[in-house]
Amino acid sequence: MKRAFSERRFLGFILFAAAGILLFTFVVMTLWNNILTPVLGVRVINFGQALGILILSKILFGGFRGGGWRGRGRYWSQVPEKWQSMTPEEKEKFKQEWKNRCNRNNTSRYTDNTTSEPS
């Protein structure tokens, strides 16, 4: 009796997951075709291509180990505690490191070009 219930439950889960994937793929395809086509002029995609985009985004942004963005929340929840325990020197060093990280690609915009002589 328990085995039949667990098999039905497993089959129900598989069917529910498949229906969810099909529905989500349809939503991606519809949004792509109705928003990106007129705005950016990209080509219309079919159902298989929408499924491929979903799989590619899972590989690029979520990975296959699970967690995705959910696993990164643990780090950011600990930041306020770490910040409170830092000395003022450590806080300043932390701020400077993040400023350097954020401005790494935009340094040319913020550099002062005073070395050239006025014309």
N, C-alpha and C. Protein backbone atom coordinates (compact mmCIF):
# COMPACT_ATOMS: atom_id res chain seq x y z
N MET A 1 0.82 -1.19 0.00
CA MET A 1 0.00 0.00 0.00
C MET A 1 0.87 1.26 0.00
N LYS A 2 1.91 1.29 0.86
CA LYS A 2 2.78 2.45 0.92
C LYS A 2 3.58 2.60 -0.38
N ARG A 3 3.97 1.48 -0.96
CA ARG A 3 4.76 1.53 -2.17
C ARG A 3 3.95 2.13 -3.32
N ALA A 4 2.69 1.74 -3.44
CA ALA A 4 1.84 2.28 -4.50
C ALA A 4 1.65 3.78 -4.31
N PHE A 5 1.51 4.23 -3.06
CA PHE A 5 1.36 5.65 -2.78
C PHE A 5 2.62 6.42 -3.16
N SER A 6 3.78 5.89 -2.82
CA SER A 6 5.03 6.57 -3.14
C SER A 6 5.28 6.61 -4.64
N GLU A 7 4.89 5.56 -5.35
CA GLU A 7 5.05 5.56 -6.80
C GLU A 7 4.13 6.59 -7.44
N ARG A 8 2.90 6.70 -6.96
CA ARG A 8 1.97 7.71 -7.49
C ARG A 8 2.47 9.12 -7.17
N ARG A 9 3.00 9.26 -6.00
CA ARG A 9 3.54 10.56 -5.60
C ARG A 9 4.73 10.95 -6.49
N PHE A 10 5.63 10.01 -6.74
CA PHE A 10 6.77 10.25 -7.61
C PHE A 10 6.32 10.58 -9.03
N LEU A 11 5.36 9.83 -9.55
CA LEU A 11 4.84 10.08 -10.89
C LEU A 11 4.17 11.45 -10.96
N GLY A 12 3.44 11.81 -9.91
CA GLY A 12 2.82 13.12 -9.86
C GLY A 12 3.84 14.24 -9.86
N PHE A 13 4.93 14.04 -9.13
CA PHE A 13 6.00 15.03 -9.10
C PHE A 13 6.62 15.19 -10.49
N ILE A 14 6.89 14.09 -11.16
CA ILE A 14 7.47 14.14 -12.51
C ILE A 14 6.54 14.87 -13.47
N LEU A 15 5.26 14.56 -13.42
CA LEU A 15 4.30 15.23 -14.30
C LEU A 15 4.19 16.72 -13.99
N PHE A 16 4.19 17.06 -12.71
CA PHE A 16 4.11 18.45 -12.29
C PHE A 16 5.35 19.22 -12.75
N ALA A 17 6.53 18.61 -12.61
CA ALA A 17 7.78 19.25 -13.04
C ALA A 17 7.79 19.45 -14.55
N ALA A 18 7.35 18.45 -15.29
CA ALA A 18 7.31 18.56 -16.75
C ALA A 18 6.34 19.65 -17.18
N ALA A 19 5.18 19.72 -16.55
CA ALA A 19 4.21 20.76 -16.88
C ALA A 19 4.78 22.14 -16.56
N GLY A 20 5.49 22.26 -15.45
CA GLY A 20 6.11 23.54 -15.09
C GLY A 20 7.15 23.97 -16.09
N ILE A 21 7.97 23.04 -16.54
CA ILE A 21 9.01 23.35 -17.53
C ILE A 21 8.36 23.78 -18.85
N LEU A 22 7.33 23.06 -19.27
CA LEU A 22 6.65 23.42 -20.51
C LEU A 22 5.99 24.80 -20.41
N LEU A 23 5.36 25.07 -19.28
CA LEU A 23 4.71 26.36 -19.10
C LEU A 23 5.74 27.49 -19.07
N PHE A 24 6.82 27.30 -18.33
CA PHE A 24 7.85 28.32 -18.23
C PHE A 24 8.51 28.57 -19.59
N THR A 25 8.73 27.52 -20.36
CA THR A 25 9.31 27.66 -21.70
C THR A 25 8.36 28.45 -22.59
N PHE A 26 7.07 28.17 -22.50
CA PHE A 26 6.08 28.91 -23.29
C PHE A 26 6.08 30.39 -22.90
N VAL A 27 6.19 30.69 -21.62
CA VAL A 27 6.22 32.08 -21.16
C VAL A 27 7.46 32.79 -21.71
N VAL A 28 8.62 32.13 -21.66
CA VAL A 28 9.85 32.73 -22.20
C VAL A 28 9.71 32.99 -23.69
N MET A 29 9.18 32.01 -24.42
CA MET A 29 9.01 32.17 -25.86
C MET A 29 8.06 33.33 -26.17
N THR A 30 6.96 33.41 -25.45
CA THR A 30 5.99 34.48 -25.70
C THR A 30 6.56 35.85 -25.37
N LEU A 31 7.24 35.96 -24.24
CA LEU A 31 7.84 37.24 -23.89
C LEU A 31 8.91 37.66 -24.89
N TRP A 32 9.74 36.72 -25.29
CA TRP A 32 10.79 37.01 -26.27
C TRP A 32 10.17 37.54 -27.56
N ASN A 33 9.18 36.80 -28.07
CA ASN A 33 8.60 37.15 -29.37
C ASN A 33 7.78 38.44 -29.31
N ASN A 34 7.17 38.73 -28.17
CA ASN A 34 6.32 39.92 -28.09
C ASN A 34 7.04 41.16 -27.59
N ILE A 35 8.18 41.00 -26.95
CA ILE A 35 8.89 42.18 -26.43
C ILE A 35 10.18 42.44 -27.19
N LEU A 36 11.04 41.44 -27.27
CA LEU A 36 12.36 41.67 -27.87
C LEU A 36 12.31 41.84 -29.38
N THR A 37 11.38 41.18 -30.04
CA THR A 37 11.30 41.30 -31.50
C THR A 37 10.98 42.73 -31.92
N PRO A 38 9.94 43.36 -31.38
CA PRO A 38 9.68 44.75 -31.82
C PRO A 38 10.68 45.76 -31.26
N VAL A 39 11.19 45.55 -30.06
CA VAL A 39 12.06 46.55 -29.44
C VAL A 39 13.47 46.49 -30.01
N LEU A 40 14.06 45.29 -30.08
CA LEU A 40 15.43 45.15 -30.52
C LEU A 40 15.58 44.64 -31.95
N GLY A 41 14.50 44.19 -32.53
CA GLY A 41 14.56 43.68 -33.90
C GLY A 41 15.21 42.31 -34.03
N VAL A 42 15.19 41.51 -32.95
CA VAL A 42 15.74 40.16 -33.03
C VAL A 42 14.73 39.24 -33.70
N ARG A 43 15.17 38.07 -34.08
CA ARG A 43 14.29 37.13 -34.75
C ARG A 43 13.33 36.46 -33.78
N VAL A 44 12.23 36.00 -34.30
CA VAL A 44 11.25 35.25 -33.53
C VAL A 44 11.84 33.87 -33.24
N ILE A 45 11.62 33.34 -32.03
CA ILE A 45 12.13 32.02 -31.67
C ILE A 45 10.99 31.04 -31.54
N ASN A 46 11.32 29.76 -31.69
CA ASN A 46 10.31 28.72 -31.51
C ASN A 46 10.44 28.10 -30.12
N PHE A 47 9.61 27.11 -29.84
CA PHE A 47 9.55 26.50 -28.52
C PHE A 47 10.88 25.84 -28.14
N GLY A 48 11.49 25.14 -29.07
CA GLY A 48 12.77 24.47 -28.80
C GLY A 48 13.88 25.46 -28.50
N GLN A 49 13.89 26.58 -29.20
CA GLN A 49 14.90 27.59 -28.94
C GLN A 49 14.69 28.24 -27.57
N ALA A 50 13.43 28.44 -27.18
CA ALA A 50 13.15 28.99 -25.85
C ALA A 50 13.61 28.03 -24.77
N LEU A 51 13.40 26.74 -24.98
CA LEU A 51 13.88 25.74 -24.02
C LEU A 51 15.41 25.76 -23.96
N GLY A 52 16.07 25.93 -25.09
CA GLY A 52 17.52 26.04 -25.12
C GLY A 52 18.02 27.27 -24.37
N ILE A 53 17.32 28.38 -24.49
CA ILE A 53 17.69 29.59 -23.76
C ILE A 53 17.57 29.36 -22.26
N LEU A 54 16.51 28.66 -21.84
CA LEU A 54 16.35 28.36 -20.42
C LEU A 54 17.48 27.47 -19.91
N ILE A 55 17.83 26.46 -20.66
CA ILE A 55 18.92 25.56 -20.25
C ILE A 55 20.24 26.31 -20.21
N LEU A 56 20.49 27.15 -21.21
CA LEU A 56 21.73 27.93 -21.24
C LEU A 56 21.80 28.89 -20.05
N SER A 57 20.68 29.53 -19.73
CA SER A 57 20.69 30.45 -18.58
C SER A 57 20.90 29.70 -17.28
N LYS A 58 20.39 28.48 -17.19
CA LYS A 58 20.62 27.66 -15.99
C LYS A 58 22.10 27.32 -15.86
N ILE A 59 22.73 26.99 -16.97
CA ILE A 59 24.16 26.67 -16.95
C ILE A 59 24.98 27.90 -16.57
N LEU A 60 24.68 29.04 -17.18
CA LEU A 60 25.47 30.24 -16.97
C LEU A 60 25.24 30.87 -15.61
N PHE A 61 24.02 30.89 -15.13
CA PHE A 61 23.71 31.64 -13.93
C PHE A 61 23.39 30.78 -12.71
N GLY A 62 23.01 29.53 -12.91
CA GLY A 62 22.63 28.72 -11.77
C GLY A 62 23.54 27.54 -11.52
N GLY A 63 24.15 27.03 -12.55
CA GLY A 63 24.96 25.84 -12.40
C GLY A 63 24.10 24.61 -12.18
N PHE A 64 24.73 23.49 -11.97
CA PHE A 64 24.00 22.25 -11.77
C PHE A 64 24.18 21.69 -10.36
N ARG A 65 24.91 22.41 -9.52
CA ARG A 65 25.13 21.93 -8.16
C ARG A 65 24.02 22.34 -7.23
N GLY A 66 23.08 23.10 -7.71
CA GLY A 66 21.99 23.57 -6.86
C GLY A 66 22.36 24.86 -6.19
N GLY A 67 21.40 25.43 -5.52
CA GLY A 67 21.66 26.66 -4.79
C GLY A 67 21.38 27.88 -5.63
N GLY A 68 22.11 28.07 -6.72
CA GLY A 68 21.94 29.27 -7.52
C GLY A 68 22.18 30.51 -6.68
N TRP A 69 21.30 31.48 -6.78
CA TRP A 69 21.44 32.70 -5.99
C TRP A 69 21.06 32.48 -4.54
N ARG A 70 20.30 31.44 -4.26
CA ARG A 70 19.89 31.17 -2.88
C ARG A 70 21.10 30.90 -1.99
N GLY A 71 22.09 30.19 -2.48
CA GLY A 71 23.25 29.86 -1.68
C GLY A 71 24.12 31.05 -1.35
N ARG A 72 24.03 32.13 -2.14
CA ARG A 72 24.86 33.30 -1.90
C ARG A 72 24.28 34.20 -0.81
N GLY A 73 23.05 33.98 -0.43
CA GLY A 73 22.42 34.81 0.58
C GLY A 73 23.04 34.65 1.95
N ARG A 74 23.62 33.50 2.20
CA ARG A 74 24.24 33.27 3.50
C ARG A 74 25.41 34.21 3.73
N TYR A 75 26.18 34.49 2.70
CA TYR A 75 27.32 35.39 2.83
C TYR A 75 26.85 36.80 3.17
N TRP A 76 25.89 37.30 2.41
CA TRP A 76 25.45 38.68 2.59
C TRP A 76 24.70 38.87 3.90
N SER A 77 24.14 37.82 4.46
CA SER A 77 23.48 37.97 5.76
C SER A 77 24.50 38.12 6.88
N GLN A 78 25.75 37.72 6.65
CA GLN A 78 26.78 37.81 7.67
C GLN A 78 27.57 39.12 7.60
N VAL A 79 27.40 39.89 6.53
CA VAL A 79 28.18 41.11 6.35
C VAL A 79 27.94 42.13 7.46
N PRO A 80 26.69 42.41 7.88
CA PRO A 80 26.53 43.39 8.96
C PRO A 80 27.25 43.00 10.26
N GLU A 81 27.25 41.72 10.58
CA GLU A 81 27.95 41.27 11.78
C GLU A 81 29.45 41.48 11.64
N LYS A 82 30.00 41.16 10.48
CA LYS A 82 31.44 41.35 10.26
C LYS A 82 31.79 42.83 10.27
N TRP A 83 30.92 43.66 9.70
CA TRP A 83 31.17 45.09 9.65
C TRP A 83 31.25 45.68 11.06
N GLN A 84 30.36 45.23 11.94
CA GLN A 84 30.35 45.74 13.30
C GLN A 84 31.62 45.38 14.07
N SER A 85 32.20 44.24 13.73
CA SER A 85 33.39 43.79 14.45
C SER A 85 34.69 44.34 13.87
N MET A 86 34.62 45.09 12.76
CA MET A 86 35.83 45.64 12.13
C MET A 86 36.29 46.90 12.84
N THR A 87 37.60 47.10 12.82
CA THR A 87 38.16 48.35 13.32
C THR A 87 37.98 49.42 12.24
N PRO A 88 38.10 50.70 12.58
CA PRO A 88 37.98 51.75 11.56
C PRO A 88 39.00 51.60 10.42
N GLU A 89 40.19 51.13 10.72
CA GLU A 89 41.19 50.92 9.67
C GLU A 89 40.76 49.81 8.72
N GLU A 90 40.22 48.72 9.29
CA GLU A 90 39.75 47.62 8.45
C GLU A 90 38.57 48.05 7.59
N LYS A 91 37.69 48.87 8.15
CA LYS A 91 36.55 49.36 7.37
C LYS A 91 37.02 50.21 6.21
N GLU A 92 37.99 51.06 6.44
CA GLU A 92 38.51 51.91 5.37
C GLU A 92 39.20 51.08 4.29
N LYS A 93 39.95 50.07 4.71
CA LYS A 93 40.61 49.18 3.75
C LYS A 93 39.57 48.44 2.92
N PHE A 94 38.50 47.97 3.58
CA PHE A 94 37.41 47.26 2.88
C PHE A 94 36.75 48.19 1.85
N LYS A 95 36.45 49.42 2.25
CA LYS A 95 35.84 50.38 1.33
C LYS A 95 36.74 50.64 0.13
N GLN A 96 38.04 50.79 0.37
CA GLN A 96 38.98 51.06 -0.71
C GLN A 96 39.08 49.89 -1.68
N GLU A 97 39.08 48.67 -1.15
CA GLU A 97 39.12 47.49 -2.02
C GLU A 97 37.89 47.42 -2.92
N TRP A 98 36.72 47.69 -2.38
CA TRP A 98 35.50 47.65 -3.19
C TRP A 98 35.46 48.81 -4.18
N LYS A 99 35.98 49.95 -3.80
CA LYS A 99 36.04 51.07 -4.73
C LYS A 99 36.94 50.72 -5.92
N ASN A 100 38.08 50.07 -5.63
CA ASN A 100 38.98 49.65 -6.71
C ASN A 100 38.34 48.60 -7.59
N ARG A 101 37.60 47.67 -7.00
CA ARG A 101 36.92 46.64 -7.79
C ARG A 101 35.87 47.25 -8.70
N CYS A 102 35.09 48.17 -8.19
CA CYS A 102 34.00 48.75 -8.97
C CYS A 102 34.48 49.70 -10.04
N ASN A 103 35.62 50.35 -9.84
CA ASN A 103 36.13 51.31 -10.81
C ASN A 103 37.22 50.74 -11.69
N ARG A 104 37.42 49.43 -11.64
CA ARG A 104 38.50 48.80 -12.40
C ARG A 104 38.37 49.06 -13.89
N ASN A 105 37.16 48.94 -14.46
CA ASN A 105 36.98 49.10 -15.89
C ASN A 105 36.67 50.54 -16.29
N ASN A 106 36.40 51.40 -15.34
CA ASN A 106 36.02 52.76 -15.64
C ASN A 106 37.07 53.77 -15.20
N THR A 107 38.30 53.35 -15.10
CA THR A 107 39.33 54.25 -14.60
C THR A 107 39.61 55.38 -15.56
N SER A 108 39.43 55.18 -16.86
CA SER A 108 39.73 56.24 -17.82
C SER A 108 38.77 57.40 -17.68
N ARG A 109 37.57 57.16 -17.21
CA ARG A 109 36.61 58.24 -17.04
C ARG A 109 36.97 59.14 -15.88
N TYR A 110 37.61 58.56 -14.86
CA TYR A 110 37.83 59.30 -13.64
C TYR A 110 39.28 59.79 -13.49
N THR A 111 40.12 59.48 -14.42
CA THR A 111 41.51 59.95 -14.30
C THR A 111 41.59 61.40 -14.73
N ASP A 112 42.48 62.09 -14.11
CA ASP A 112 42.68 63.50 -14.42
C ASP A 112 43.82 63.62 -15.41
N ASN A 113 43.54 64.10 -16.57
CA ASN A 113 44.55 64.23 -17.63
C ASN A 113 45.17 65.62 -17.59
N THR A 114 45.85 65.92 -16.50
CA THR A 114 46.49 67.24 -16.35
C THR A 114 47.91 67.24 -16.87
N THR A 115 48.40 66.09 -17.36
CA THR A 115 49.77 66.04 -17.86
C THR A 115 49.92 66.72 -19.19
N SER A 116 48.84 66.82 -19.95
CA SER A 116 48.97 67.48 -21.26
C SER A 116 48.99 68.99 -21.07
N GLU A 117 49.76 69.62 -21.91
CA GLU A 117 49.90 71.07 -21.82
C GLU A 117 48.71 71.74 -22.48
N PRO A 118 48.28 72.89 -21.93
CA PRO A 118 47.14 73.60 -22.55
C PRO A 118 47.54 74.14 -23.92
N SER A 119 46.59 74.15 -24.84
CA SER A 119 46.89 74.62 -26.19
C SER A 119 46.62 76.07 -26.36
